Every structure is written in structure tokens, then in C-alpha cells.
Amino acid sequence: MVFRDDALTGKAILVTGGGGGLGREIAQALSALGAQVYICGRRQALLTEAAEAISAQTGGRVVPHACDIRDADAVDVMIAEIWRDTPLTGLVNNAAANFISPTKDLSARGFRAITSTVMDGSFHATLSCGKRWINQGIKGSVVSNLVTWVWTGSAFVVPSAMAKSALHAMTMSLAAEWGPYGIRLNATAPGPFPTPEAWEKLNPLPDTKSSATSCDTIPMRRFGEIPELTNLVAFLLSDACAFLTGQTIAIDGGQHLAAPSTFADLTILTDDQWRAAREAIEASTSRSKAAQNGDNPA
């Protein structure tokens, strides 16, 4: 650890998608540094388990809220409830959805499943917090988890690349618009940081290996380690960088500078391989839902 244990004491921070994956890791890291943490997602049982586990680990207060961030009204109700407890000082836009697919095979529903969570949901949460910060004269900080595709684009994940690019634009735009109120907006652009569920959906075929899940194209020749990302998020939410705003910071070992566009190497896959990939993704999703519901995934 590079921070004092009380580096975020006095902060109250909401992490969207905080029940699992990177969101849970971020929530735990922020709690360990003294922040009061709120986590949200769609599954109450998953959130409750995560909150209890993080609190047991850090000794901090972690409050779960079930909320579908695609619903602007539901987000505002949740934020209002949190505000009655204590005003937030920070927001981490982490909730996301993604899967690989040839764009020609995408349905409108599939497109919206990704963009409504990544783009719409993050904007709903940012606006709901921002209005309150401005009205109450509170200095707030927003950190959004993006990807290096905001600079390079990426084949086979076009909805995600589009939605994340929109948040990149939001980060720069609101940094200028809300700067006079003392509100900062920054973003991270992580490279490969292995988490089981996301890894399976982005590399579903055992006989193929995309650049997104390979360290061969990373100049540092390794994957990222979770504390390296959580340290960056904590720094951006802290008072140690109060003059830093409007920036998207890549943390990918230099991959986007040296490698071809992420997933570009999958253009060689056949239609049969893509069908197998879809089936593997669907099976992975079913296993994940069954495990979260306490069912036997077999």
C-alpha cells in the first residue's frame, strides 16, 4: 500500500456495479482507506454478501443498494436515499456490460443491453450526484472506468467502444462545465486485469486467444494486478490531486501504444467459431446467474 490508512477518511463514495468483479475490488480498497462506501447493482443478495464481506475485511461501513442504473428515476431515488444518510463526495462509474460478437450479427436489443448500462447508467448517476453537489456547494469527484478503445476503437465490441467513448467525452466536457463548482471528473482506461466472469466472455473459445486476454502484446509482458488499478482510482478520488480533472489515464502496461486494435486478431474466426463463442458466452452467463441465485450450476 502506498497510502495512509486514513487517506479517504471523511469521504462517502458510491461504486456502481460494486457487487462483483472490479467493482467489488474497488469498493474494498476504498473502504480499507477509510471511506464510507455505497455499492449498487441489480442483485440484492449479491450486493448484501459483498457488503458484509468487505466490512468484515476492512472494518468499514459498506451499504448495498439494489438499483438498475439504466432507469434514471430509480437512480435518482437511490441517490436521494444515500443523501439522506450522508452526502456523497465521490462516484465511481464502474457498472458495465460487454461481450464479443461480429457487429453484423448484433440485434438492437443486444446493442442497448450494453450501451444502456455503460453510457446511460453512468450518465444518470453522474447527473444525479452532480445536481446535488452544485445545489449544495459540495466539491465532488467522479471516476469512470473506461477502456483504451476510446482512442483506438475495437473490432467486435463496437457497442462497448461507442459507449465508453461517450463517457470519455462526458469526462472532458463536464470537467470544463463543472470545474467552477469544484467538481472533478477523471477516468481510468485499464488494460487486461483478469476477472473470471469478464475473462470468459471476452475469450470464450479455448482454441483462440484474443489480444485483450493475452500478455504477448503488452510491452511489460504481464497482466495488470488489481491493487495497481485500485491505487489509481483511490488517488483520483483523494484530495492529493485536486488540480487534476478531465483526464482519461491508461493503465495497460503500454498495450494500446504497441499492439494492434484490441480483438482485431479475431477477424480470422469462421462463422462456426463465432457460433461456438456465442454458445460458450451463454453457458457462462447461465452458470454465473445460477451461482448467484444459489442454484446448482451443473
C-alpha atoms as a PDB file:
ATOM      1  CA  MET A   1       0.000   0.000   0.000  1.00  0.00           C
ATOM      2  CA  VAL A   2       1.237   3.464  -0.889  1.00  0.00           C
ATOM      3  CA  PHE A   3      -1.437   5.402   1.026  1.00  0.00           C
ATOM      4  CA  ARG A   4      -2.047   6.126   4.681  1.00  0.00           C
ATOM      5  CA  ASP A   5      -4.824   4.000   6.159  1.00  0.00           C
ATOM      6  CA  ASP A   6      -6.930   7.153   6.606  1.00  0.00           C
ATOM      7  CA  ALA A   7      -6.307   8.600   3.134  1.00  0.00           C
ATOM      8  CA  LEU A   8     -10.041   8.622   2.322  1.00  0.00           C
ATOM      9  CA  THR A   9     -11.453   9.162   5.805  1.00  0.00           C
ATOM     10  CA  GLY A  10     -14.412  11.539   5.604  1.00  0.00           C
ATOM     11  CA  LYS A  11     -15.215  10.518   2.021  1.00  0.00           C
ATOM     12  CA  ALA A  12     -18.508   8.896   1.047  1.00  0.00           C
ATOM     13  CA  ILE A  13     -18.272   7.113  -2.302  1.00  0.00           C
ATOM     14  CA  LEU A  14     -20.740   5.189  -4.473  1.00  0.00           C
ATOM     15  CA  VAL A  15     -19.383   2.371  -6.655  1.00  0.00           C
ATOM     16  CA  THR A  16     -21.789   1.221  -9.349  1.00  0.00           C
ATOM     17  CA  GLY A  17     -21.558  -2.461 -10.206  1.00  0.00           C
ATOM     18  CA  GLY A  18     -19.903  -2.890  -6.824  1.00  0.00           C
ATOM     19  CA  GLY A  19     -21.193  -6.371  -6.069  1.00  0.00           C
ATOM     20  CA  GLY A  20     -18.566  -8.277  -8.034  1.00  0.00           C
ATOM     21  CA  GLY A  21     -15.517  -8.144 -10.280  1.00  0.00           C
ATOM     22  CA  LEU A  22     -13.509  -4.928 -10.417  1.00  0.00           C
ATOM     23  CA  GLY A  23     -16.303  -3.003  -8.691  1.00  0.00           C
ATOM     24  CA  ARG A  24     -16.053  -5.152  -5.587  1.00  0.00           C
ATOM     25  CA  GLU A  25     -12.262  -4.859  -5.569  1.00  0.00           C
ATOM     26  CA  ILE A  26     -12.506  -1.074  -5.854  1.00  0.00           C
ATOM     27  CA  ALA A  27     -15.117  -0.880  -3.094  1.00  0.00           C
ATOM     28  CA  GLN A  28     -12.929  -2.937  -0.779  1.00  0.00           C
ATOM     29  CA  ALA A  29      -9.853  -0.801  -1.496  1.00  0.00           C
ATOM     30  CA  LEU A  30     -11.743   2.436  -0.827  1.00  0.00           C
ATOM     31  CA  SER A  31     -13.210   1.049   2.391  1.00  0.00           C
ATOM     32  CA  ALA A  32      -9.751  -0.018   3.554  1.00  0.00           C
ATOM     33  CA  LEU A  33      -8.599   3.602   3.170  1.00  0.00           C
ATOM     34  CA  GLY A  34     -11.347   4.904   5.434  1.00  0.00           C
ATOM     35  CA  ALA A  35     -14.116   5.843   3.002  1.00  0.00           C
ATOM     36  CA  GLN A  36     -17.762   5.141   3.725  1.00  0.00           C
ATOM     37  CA  VAL A  37     -18.722   3.084   0.680  1.00  0.00           C
ATOM     38  CA  TYR A  38     -22.042   2.501  -1.047  1.00  0.00           C
ATOM     39  CA  ILE A  39     -22.361  -0.180  -3.716  1.00  0.00           C
ATOM     40  CA  CYS A  40     -25.179  -0.705  -6.184  1.00  0.00           C
ATOM     41  CA  GLY A  41     -26.225  -3.272  -8.736  1.00  0.00           C
ATOM     42  CA  ARG A  42     -29.291  -5.233  -9.759  1.00  0.00           C
ATOM     43  CA  ARG A  43     -28.965  -8.252  -7.425  1.00  0.00           C
ATOM     44  CA  GLN A  44     -29.648  -7.515  -3.764  1.00  0.00           C
ATOM     45  CA  ALA A  45     -28.342 -10.858  -2.496  1.00  0.00           C
ATOM     46  CA  LEU A  46     -25.013 -10.421  -4.289  1.00  0.00           C
ATOM     47  CA  LEU A  47     -24.677  -6.848  -3.006  1.00  0.00           C
ATOM     48  CA  THR A  48     -25.506  -7.804   0.572  1.00  0.00           C
ATOM     49  CA  GLU A  49     -22.939 -10.609   0.550  1.00  0.00           C
ATOM     50  CA  ALA A  50     -20.293  -8.279  -0.904  1.00  0.00           C
ATOM     51  CA  ALA A  51     -21.020  -5.513   1.608  1.00  0.00           C
ATOM     52  CA  GLU A  52     -20.825  -7.886   4.564  1.00  0.00           C
ATOM     53  CA  ALA A  53     -17.602  -9.471   3.317  1.00  0.00           C
ATOM     54  CA  ILE A  54     -15.923  -6.113   2.663  1.00  0.00           C
ATOM     55  CA  SER A  55     -16.990  -4.736   6.052  1.00  0.00           C
ATOM     56  CA  ALA A  56     -15.627  -7.839   7.778  1.00  0.00           C
ATOM     57  CA  GLN A  57     -12.333  -7.408   5.935  1.00  0.00           C
ATOM     58  CA  THR A  58     -11.854  -3.653   6.389  1.00  0.00           C
ATOM     59  CA  GLY A  59     -13.928  -2.777   9.428  1.00  0.00           C
ATOM     60  CA  GLY A  60     -15.582  -0.027   7.405  1.00  0.00           C
ATOM     61  CA  ARG A  61     -19.228   0.697   6.686  1.00  0.00           C
ATOM     62  CA  VAL A  62     -20.413  -0.586   3.305  1.00  0.00           C
ATOM     63  CA  VAL A  63     -24.051  -0.054   2.329  1.00  0.00           C
ATOM     64  CA  PRO A  64     -25.691  -2.042  -0.516  1.00  0.00           C
ATOM     65  CA  HIS A  65     -28.447  -0.623  -2.732  1.00  0.00           C
ATOM     66  CA  ALA A  66     -30.282  -2.651  -5.365  1.00  0.00           C
ATOM     67  CA  CYS A  67     -30.797  -0.395  -8.374  1.00  0.00           C
ATOM     68  CA  ASP A  68     -30.985  -0.760 -12.145  1.00  0.00           C
ATOM     69  CA  ILE A  69     -28.898   2.222 -13.220  1.00  0.00           C
ATOM     70  CA  ARG A  70     -30.450   2.086 -16.700  1.00  0.00           C
ATOM     71  CA  ASP A  71     -33.551   3.615 -15.079  1.00  0.00           C
ATOM     72  CA  ALA A  72     -32.941   7.339 -14.441  1.00  0.00           C
ATOM     73  CA  ASP A  73     -35.789   7.613 -11.934  1.00  0.00           C
ATOM     74  CA  ALA A  74     -34.558   4.597  -9.977  1.00  0.00           C
ATOM     75  CA  VAL A  75     -31.061   6.090  -9.853  1.00  0.00           C
ATOM     76  CA  ASP A  76     -32.384   9.391  -8.524  1.00  0.00           C
ATOM     77  CA  VAL A  77     -34.400   7.597  -5.835  1.00  0.00           C
ATOM     78  CA  MET A  78     -31.281   5.681  -4.760  1.00  0.00           C
ATOM     79  CA  ILE A  79     -29.086   8.789  -4.707  1.00  0.00           C
ATOM     80  CA  ALA A  80     -31.710  10.649  -2.673  1.00  0.00           C
ATOM     81  CA  GLU A  81     -31.778   7.783  -0.162  1.00  0.00           C
ATOM     82  CA  ILE A  82     -27.982   7.803   0.110  1.00  0.00           C
ATOM     83  CA  TRP A  83     -28.019  11.593   0.552  1.00  0.00           C
ATOM     84  CA  ARG A  84     -30.400  11.253   3.495  1.00  0.00           C
ATOM     85  CA  ASP A  85     -27.728   9.088   5.103  1.00  0.00           C
ATOM     86  CA  THR A  86     -24.818  11.322   4.094  1.00  0.00           C
ATOM     87  CA  PRO A  87     -23.945  13.416   1.007  1.00  0.00           C
ATOM     88  CA  LEU A  88     -21.617  11.623  -1.371  1.00  0.00           C
ATOM     89  CA  THR A  89     -18.212  13.104  -2.113  1.00  0.00           C
ATOM     90  CA  GLY A  90     -17.315  10.639  -4.862  1.00  0.00           C
ATOM     91  CA  LEU A  91     -18.773   8.411  -7.565  1.00  0.00           C
ATOM     92  CA  VAL A  92     -17.123   5.512  -9.389  1.00  0.00           C
ATOM     93  CA  ASN A  93     -18.874   4.676 -12.665  1.00  0.00           C
ATOM     94  CA  ASN A  94     -17.888   1.036 -12.864  1.00  0.00           C
ATOM     95  CA  ALA A  95     -21.065  -0.839 -13.917  1.00  0.00           C
ATOM     96  CA  ALA A  96     -20.669  -2.253 -17.412  1.00  0.00           C
ATOM     97  CA  ALA A  97     -21.786  -4.953 -19.804  1.00  0.00           C
ATOM     98  CA  ASN A  98     -19.899  -6.428 -22.730  1.00  0.00           C
ATOM     99  CA  PHE A  99     -19.471  -9.468 -24.952  1.00  0.00           C
ATOM    100  CA  ILE A 100     -17.671 -10.096 -28.214  1.00  0.00           C
ATOM    101  CA  SER A 101     -19.688 -10.528 -31.397  1.00  0.00           C
ATOM    102  CA  PRO A 102     -19.428  -9.706 -35.091  1.00  0.00           C
ATOM    103  CA  THR A 103     -21.255  -6.394 -35.383  1.00  0.00           C
ATOM    104  CA  LYS A 104     -23.248  -7.683 -38.359  1.00  0.00           C
ATOM    105  CA  ASP A 105     -24.859 -10.236 -36.018  1.00  0.00           C
ATOM    106  CA  LEU A 106     -25.859  -7.768 -33.291  1.00  0.00           C
ATOM    107  CA  SER A 107     -29.527  -7.098 -32.596  1.00  0.00           C
ATOM    108  CA  ALA A 108     -30.888  -3.758 -31.456  1.00  0.00           C
ATOM    109  CA  ARG A 109     -31.619  -5.404 -28.109  1.00  0.00           C
ATOM    110  CA  GLY A 110     -28.024  -6.587 -27.777  1.00  0.00           C
ATOM    111  CA  PHE A 111     -26.749  -3.103 -28.600  1.00  0.00           C
ATOM    112  CA  ARG A 112     -28.980  -1.484 -25.979  1.00  0.00           C
ATOM    113  CA  ALA A 113     -28.109  -4.097 -23.356  1.00  0.00           C
ATOM    114  CA  ILE A 114     -24.567  -2.754 -23.414  1.00  0.00           C
ATOM    115  CA  THR A 115     -24.997   0.957 -24.138  1.00  0.00           C
ATOM    116  CA  SER A 116     -27.896   1.449 -21.715  1.00  0.00           C
ATOM    117  CA  THR A 117     -25.750   0.243 -18.816  1.00  0.00           C
ATOM    118  CA  VAL A 118     -22.399   1.736 -19.786  1.00  0.00           C
ATOM    119  CA  MET A 119     -23.439   5.092 -21.234  1.00  0.00           C
ATOM    120  CA  ASP A 120     -26.953   5.820 -19.965  1.00  0.00           C
ATOM    121  CA  GLY A 121     -26.456   4.382 -16.484  1.00  0.00           C
ATOM    122  CA  SER A 122     -23.185   6.208 -15.890  1.00  0.00           C
ATOM    123  CA  PHE A 123     -24.697   9.484 -17.066  1.00  0.00           C
ATOM    124  CA  HIS A 124     -27.770   9.031 -14.843  1.00  0.00           C
ATOM    125  CA  ALA A 125     -25.574   8.508 -11.768  1.00  0.00           C
ATOM    126  CA  THR A 126     -23.220  11.360 -12.642  1.00  0.00           C
ATOM    127  CA  LEU A 127     -26.041  13.829 -13.266  1.00  0.00           C
ATOM    128  CA  SER A 128     -27.939  12.843 -10.114  1.00  0.00           C
ATOM    129  CA  CYS A 129     -24.832  13.409  -7.988  1.00  0.00           C
ATOM    130  CA  GLY A 130     -23.739  16.494  -9.905  1.00  0.00           C
ATOM    131  CA  LYS A 131     -27.025  18.331  -9.431  1.00  0.00           C
ATOM    132  CA  ARG A 132     -26.847  17.821  -5.674  1.00  0.00           C
ATOM    133  CA  TRP A 133     -23.195  18.825  -5.446  1.00  0.00           C
ATOM    134  CA  ILE A 134     -23.875  22.027  -7.363  1.00  0.00           C
ATOM    135  CA  ASN A 135     -27.024  22.904  -5.400  1.00  0.00           C
ATOM    136  CA  GLN A 136     -25.338  22.270  -2.043  1.00  0.00           C
ATOM    137  CA  GLY A 137     -21.894  23.685  -2.834  1.00  0.00           C
ATOM    138  CA  ILE A 138     -20.153  20.325  -2.336  1.00  0.00           C
ATOM    139  CA  LYS A 139     -16.898  19.532  -4.114  1.00  0.00           C
ATOM    140  CA  GLY A 140     -17.274  16.121  -5.719  1.00  0.00           C
ATOM    141  CA  SER A 141     -15.144  13.725  -7.746  1.00  0.00           C
ATOM    142  CA  VAL A 142     -16.244  11.273 -10.453  1.00  0.00           C
ATOM    143  CA  VAL A 143     -14.042   8.451 -11.731  1.00  0.00           C
ATOM    144  CA  SER A 144     -15.273   6.346 -14.662  1.00  0.00           C
ATOM    145  CA  ASN A 145     -13.753   3.002 -15.621  1.00  0.00           C
ATOM    146  CA  LEU A 146     -13.241   3.112 -19.395  1.00  0.00           C
ATOM    147  CA  VAL A 147     -11.010   1.253 -21.868  1.00  0.00           C
ATOM    148  CA  THR A 148      -8.189   2.172 -24.248  1.00  0.00           C
ATOM    149  CA  TRP A 149     -10.672   1.624 -27.082  1.00  0.00           C
ATOM    150  CA  VAL A 150     -11.760   5.241 -26.564  1.00  0.00           C
ATOM    151  CA  TRP A 151      -8.606   6.153 -28.508  1.00  0.00           C
ATOM    152  CA  THR A 152      -8.183   3.179 -30.837  1.00  0.00           C
ATOM    153  CA  GLY A 153     -11.668   1.744 -31.374  1.00  0.00           C
ATOM    154  CA  SER A 154     -12.011  -2.023 -31.287  1.00  0.00           C
ATOM    155  CA  ALA A 155     -13.445  -4.668 -33.556  1.00  0.00           C
ATOM    156  CA  PHE A 156     -16.203  -6.998 -32.288  1.00  0.00           C
ATOM    157  CA  VAL A 157     -17.078  -4.873 -29.236  1.00  0.00           C
ATOM    158  CA  VAL A 158     -18.480  -1.866 -31.088  1.00  0.00           C
ATOM    159  CA  PRO A 159     -21.354  -1.071 -28.652  1.00  0.00           C
ATOM    160  CA  SER A 160     -18.934  -1.020 -25.713  1.00  0.00           C
ATOM    161  CA  ALA A 161     -16.370   1.040 -27.626  1.00  0.00           C
ATOM    162  CA  MET A 162     -19.085   3.542 -28.572  1.00  0.00           C
ATOM    163  CA  ALA A 163     -20.496   3.783 -25.043  1.00  0.00           C
ATOM    164  CA  LYS A 164     -17.102   4.089 -23.354  1.00  0.00           C
ATOM    165  CA  SER A 165     -16.105   6.767 -25.869  1.00  0.00           C
ATOM    166  CA  ALA A 166     -19.224   8.691 -24.894  1.00  0.00           C
ATOM    167  CA  LEU A 167     -18.112   8.604 -21.249  1.00  0.00           C
ATOM    168  CA  HIS A 168     -14.645   9.762 -22.319  1.00  0.00           C
ATOM    169  CA  ALA A 169     -16.358  12.753 -23.937  1.00  0.00           C
ATOM    170  CA  MET A 170     -18.522  13.279 -20.844  1.00  0.00           C
ATOM    171  CA  THR A 171     -15.409  13.300 -18.653  1.00  0.00           C
ATOM    172  CA  MET A 172     -13.777  16.070 -20.683  1.00  0.00           C
ATOM    173  CA  SER A 173     -16.974  18.045 -21.218  1.00  0.00           C
ATOM    174  CA  LEU A 174     -18.199  18.113 -17.618  1.00  0.00           C
ATOM    175  CA  ALA A 175     -14.684  18.743 -16.302  1.00  0.00           C
ATOM    176  CA  ALA A 176     -14.872  22.070 -18.131  1.00  0.00           C
ATOM    177  CA  GLU A 177     -18.523  22.779 -17.315  1.00  0.00           C
ATOM    178  CA  TRP A 178     -18.458  21.773 -13.653  1.00  0.00           C
ATOM    179  CA  GLY A 179     -14.904  22.863 -12.811  1.00  0.00           C
ATOM    180  CA  PRO A 180     -16.110  26.211 -11.421  1.00  0.00           C
ATOM    181  CA  TYR A 181     -18.159  24.283  -8.841  1.00  0.00           C
ATOM    182  CA  GLY A 182     -15.125  22.339  -7.631  1.00  0.00           C
ATOM    183  CA  ILE A 183     -16.320  19.107  -9.250  1.00  0.00           C
ATOM    184  CA  ARG A 184     -13.645  16.955 -10.892  1.00  0.00           C
ATOM    185  CA  LEU A 185     -14.168  14.215 -13.470  1.00  0.00           C
ATOM    186  CA  ASN A 186     -11.474  11.753 -14.489  1.00  0.00           C
ATOM    187  CA  ALA A 187     -11.355   8.246 -15.924  1.00  0.00           C
ATOM    188  CA  THR A 188      -9.171   5.179 -15.984  1.00  0.00           C
ATOM    189  CA  ALA A 189      -8.562   3.073 -19.078  1.00  0.00           C
ATOM    190  CA  PRO A 190      -7.446  -0.337 -17.789  1.00  0.00           C
ATOM    191  CA  GLY A 191      -5.809  -2.927 -19.986  1.00  0.00           C
ATOM    192  CA  PRO A 192      -6.084  -6.630 -19.126  1.00  0.00           C
ATOM    193  CA  PHE A 193      -6.901  -7.064 -15.428  1.00  0.00           C
ATOM    194  CA  PRO A 194      -8.132 -10.680 -15.178  1.00  0.00           C
ATOM    195  CA  THR A 195     -11.501 -11.239 -13.511  1.00  0.00           C
ATOM    196  CA  PRO A 196     -13.133 -14.661 -14.078  1.00  0.00           C
ATOM    197  CA  GLU A 197     -16.569 -13.720 -15.441  1.00  0.00           C
ATOM    198  CA  ALA A 198     -15.363 -10.953 -17.755  1.00  0.00           C
ATOM    199  CA  TRP A 199     -12.445 -13.102 -18.943  1.00  0.00           C
ATOM    200  CA  GLU A 200     -14.750 -15.907 -20.033  1.00  0.00           C
ATOM    201  CA  LYS A 201     -16.995 -13.581 -22.062  1.00  0.00           C
ATOM    202  CA  LEU A 202     -14.092 -11.864 -23.815  1.00  0.00           C
ATOM    203  CA  ASN A 203     -12.189 -15.050 -24.616  1.00  0.00           C
ATOM    204  CA  PRO A 204     -14.831 -17.810 -24.801  1.00  0.00           C
ATOM    205  CA  LEU A 205     -13.050 -20.254 -27.097  1.00  0.00           C
ATOM    206  CA  PRO A 206     -10.164 -22.357 -25.743  1.00  0.00           C
ATOM    207  CA  ASP A 207      -8.538 -22.648 -29.184  1.00  0.00           C
ATOM    208  CA  THR A 208      -8.326 -18.877 -29.736  1.00  0.00           C
ATOM    209  CA  LYS A 209      -6.602 -16.148 -27.760  1.00  0.00           C
ATOM    210  CA  SER A 210      -7.500 -12.516 -28.373  1.00  0.00           C
ATOM    211  CA  SER A 211      -5.106  -9.672 -27.684  1.00  0.00           C
ATOM    212  CA  ALA A 212      -7.489  -8.497 -24.943  1.00  0.00           C
ATOM    213  CA  THR A 213      -6.687 -11.530 -22.818  1.00  0.00           C
ATOM    214  CA  SER A 214      -3.043 -12.113 -23.789  1.00  0.00           C
ATOM    215  CA  CYS A 215       0.068 -10.523 -22.352  1.00  0.00           C
ATOM    216  CA  ASP A 216       2.060 -11.189 -25.541  1.00  0.00           C
ATOM    217  CA  THR A 217       1.171  -7.750 -26.928  1.00  0.00           C
ATOM    218  CA  ILE A 218       1.832  -5.877 -23.673  1.00  0.00           C
ATOM    219  CA  PRO A 219       5.280  -4.232 -23.578  1.00  0.00           C
ATOM    220  CA  MET A 220       5.564  -5.021 -19.853  1.00  0.00           C
ATOM    221  CA  ARG A 221       4.780  -8.688 -20.664  1.00  0.00           C
ATOM    222  CA  ARG A 222       2.291  -9.235 -17.861  1.00  0.00           C
ATOM    223  CA  PHE A 223      -1.311  -8.573 -16.883  1.00  0.00           C
ATOM    224  CA  GLY A 224      -2.312  -5.814 -14.536  1.00  0.00           C
ATOM    225  CA  GLU A 225      -2.656  -6.513 -10.820  1.00  0.00           C
ATOM    226  CA  ILE A 226      -5.823  -5.334  -9.097  1.00  0.00           C
ATOM    227  CA  PRO A 227      -4.086  -3.152  -6.455  1.00  0.00           C
ATOM    228  CA  GLU A 228      -2.422  -1.178  -9.257  1.00  0.00           C
ATOM    229  CA  LEU A 229      -5.832  -0.179 -10.587  1.00  0.00           C
ATOM    230  CA  THR A 230      -7.440   0.422  -7.205  1.00  0.00           C
ATOM    231  CA  ASN A 231      -4.495   2.616  -6.181  1.00  0.00           C
ATOM    232  CA  LEU A 232      -5.107   4.812  -9.225  1.00  0.00           C
ATOM    233  CA  VAL A 233      -8.842   5.069  -8.516  1.00  0.00           C
ATOM    234  CA  ALA A 234      -8.166   5.947  -4.867  1.00  0.00           C
ATOM    235  CA  PHE A 235      -5.672   8.635  -5.886  1.00  0.00           C
ATOM    236  CA  LEU A 236      -8.164  10.212  -8.295  1.00  0.00           C
ATOM    237  CA  LEU A 237     -10.823  10.310  -5.564  1.00  0.00           C
ATOM    238  CA  SER A 238      -8.473  11.728  -2.951  1.00  0.00           C
ATOM    239  CA  ASP A 239      -7.535  15.321  -2.171  1.00  0.00           C
ATOM    240  CA  ALA A 240      -3.975  14.643  -3.320  1.00  0.00           C
ATOM    241  CA  CYS A 241      -4.762  15.583  -6.936  1.00  0.00           C
ATOM    242  CA  ALA A 242      -7.292  18.397  -6.545  1.00  0.00           C
ATOM    243  CA  PHE A 243      -5.989  20.130  -9.707  1.00  0.00           C
ATOM    244  CA  LEU A 244      -6.364  17.037 -11.916  1.00  0.00           C
ATOM    245  CA  THR A 245      -9.539  16.888 -13.990  1.00  0.00           C
ATOM    246  CA  GLY A 246     -10.792  15.952 -17.442  1.00  0.00           C
ATOM    247  CA  GLN A 247      -8.233  13.183 -17.913  1.00  0.00           C
ATOM    248  CA  THR A 248      -8.533   9.570 -19.028  1.00  0.00           C
ATOM    249  CA  ILE A 249      -5.478   7.698 -17.794  1.00  0.00           C
ATOM    250  CA  ALA A 250      -4.411   4.447 -19.453  1.00  0.00           C
ATOM    251  CA  ILE A 251      -3.137   1.752 -17.113  1.00  0.00           C
ATOM    252  CA  ASP A 252      -2.358  -1.094 -19.503  1.00  0.00           C
ATOM    253  CA  GLY A 253       1.387  -1.675 -19.457  1.00  0.00           C
ATOM    254  CA  GLY A 254       1.651   0.249 -22.727  1.00  0.00           C
ATOM    255  CA  GLN A 255      -0.513  -2.210 -24.672  1.00  0.00           C
ATOM    256  CA  HIS A 256      -2.529   0.341 -26.648  1.00  0.00           C
ATOM    257  CA  LEU A 257       0.695   2.052 -27.758  1.00  0.00           C
ATOM    258  CA  ALA A 258       2.315  -1.096 -29.110  1.00  0.00           C
ATOM    259  CA  ALA A 259      -0.410  -3.538 -30.123  1.00  0.00           C
ATOM    260  CA  PRO A 260      -2.970  -3.700 -32.901  1.00  0.00           C
ATOM    261  CA  SER A 261      -6.510  -2.696 -32.017  1.00  0.00           C
ATOM    262  CA  THR A 262      -7.987  -4.997 -29.364  1.00  0.00           C
ATOM    263  CA  PHE A 263      -9.748  -8.045 -30.864  1.00  0.00           C
ATOM    264  CA  ALA A 264      -8.509  -7.171 -34.379  1.00  0.00           C
ATOM    265  CA  ASP A 265      -6.842 -10.577 -34.466  1.00  0.00           C
ATOM    266  CA  LEU A 266     -10.250 -12.280 -34.236  1.00  0.00           C
ATOM    267  CA  THR A 267     -11.101 -11.316 -37.830  1.00  0.00           C
ATOM    268  CA  ILE A 268      -9.745 -14.747 -38.811  1.00  0.00           C
ATOM    269  CA  LEU A 269     -12.515 -16.617 -36.946  1.00  0.00           C
ATOM    270  CA  THR A 270     -15.022 -18.548 -39.022  1.00  0.00           C
ATOM    271  CA  ASP A 271     -18.818 -18.356 -38.635  1.00  0.00           C
ATOM    272  CA  ASP A 272     -18.734 -21.760 -36.914  1.00  0.00           C
ATOM    273  CA  GLN A 273     -16.222 -20.476 -34.375  1.00  0.00           C
ATOM    274  CA  TRP A 274     -18.378 -17.413 -33.683  1.00  0.00           C
ATOM    275  CA  ARG A 275     -21.392 -19.671 -33.118  1.00  0.00           C
ATOM    276  CA  ALA A 276     -19.339 -21.693 -30.646  1.00  0.00           C
ATOM    277  CA  ALA A 277     -18.289 -18.449 -28.954  1.00  0.00           C
ATOM    278  CA  ARG A 278     -21.899 -17.338 -28.530  1.00  0.00           C
ATOM    279  CA  GLU A 279     -22.819 -20.702 -27.024  1.00  0.00           C
ATOM    280  CA  ALA A 280     -19.871 -20.523 -24.617  1.00  0.00           C
ATOM    281  CA  ILE A 281     -20.835 -16.980 -23.536  1.00  0.00           C
ATOM    282  CA  GLU A 282     -24.460 -18.018 -22.955  1.00  0.00           C
ATOM    283  CA  ALA A 283     -23.321 -21.037 -20.917  1.00  0.00           C
ATOM    284  CA  SER A 284     -21.002 -18.849 -18.843  1.00  0.00           C
ATOM    285  CA  THR A 285     -23.812 -16.373 -18.157  1.00  0.00           C
ATOM    286  CA  SER A 286     -26.158 -19.180 -17.103  1.00  0.00           C
ATOM    287  CA  ARG A 287     -23.563 -20.623 -14.704  1.00  0.00           C
ATOM    288  CA  SER A 288     -22.935 -17.201 -13.204  1.00  0.00           C
ATOM    289  CA  LYS A 289     -26.630 -16.495 -12.627  1.00  0.00           C
ATOM    290  CA  ALA A 290     -27.174 -19.942 -11.142  1.00  0.00           C
ATOM    291  CA  ALA A 291     -24.271 -19.476  -8.728  1.00  0.00           C
ATOM    292  CA  GLN A 292     -25.538 -16.045  -7.651  1.00  0.00           C
ATOM    293  CA  ASN A 293     -29.001 -17.474  -7.052  1.00  0.00           C
ATOM    294  CA  GLY A 294     -27.617 -20.351  -5.024  1.00  0.00           C
ATOM    295  CA  ASP A 295     -28.641 -22.957  -7.593  1.00  0.00           C
ATOM    296  CA  ASN A 296     -26.568 -25.903  -8.705  1.00  0.00           C
ATOM    297  CA  PRO A 297     -24.795 -24.606 -11.863  1.00  0.00           C
ATOM    298  CA  ALA A 298     -24.475 -28.141 -13.186  1.00  0.00           C
END
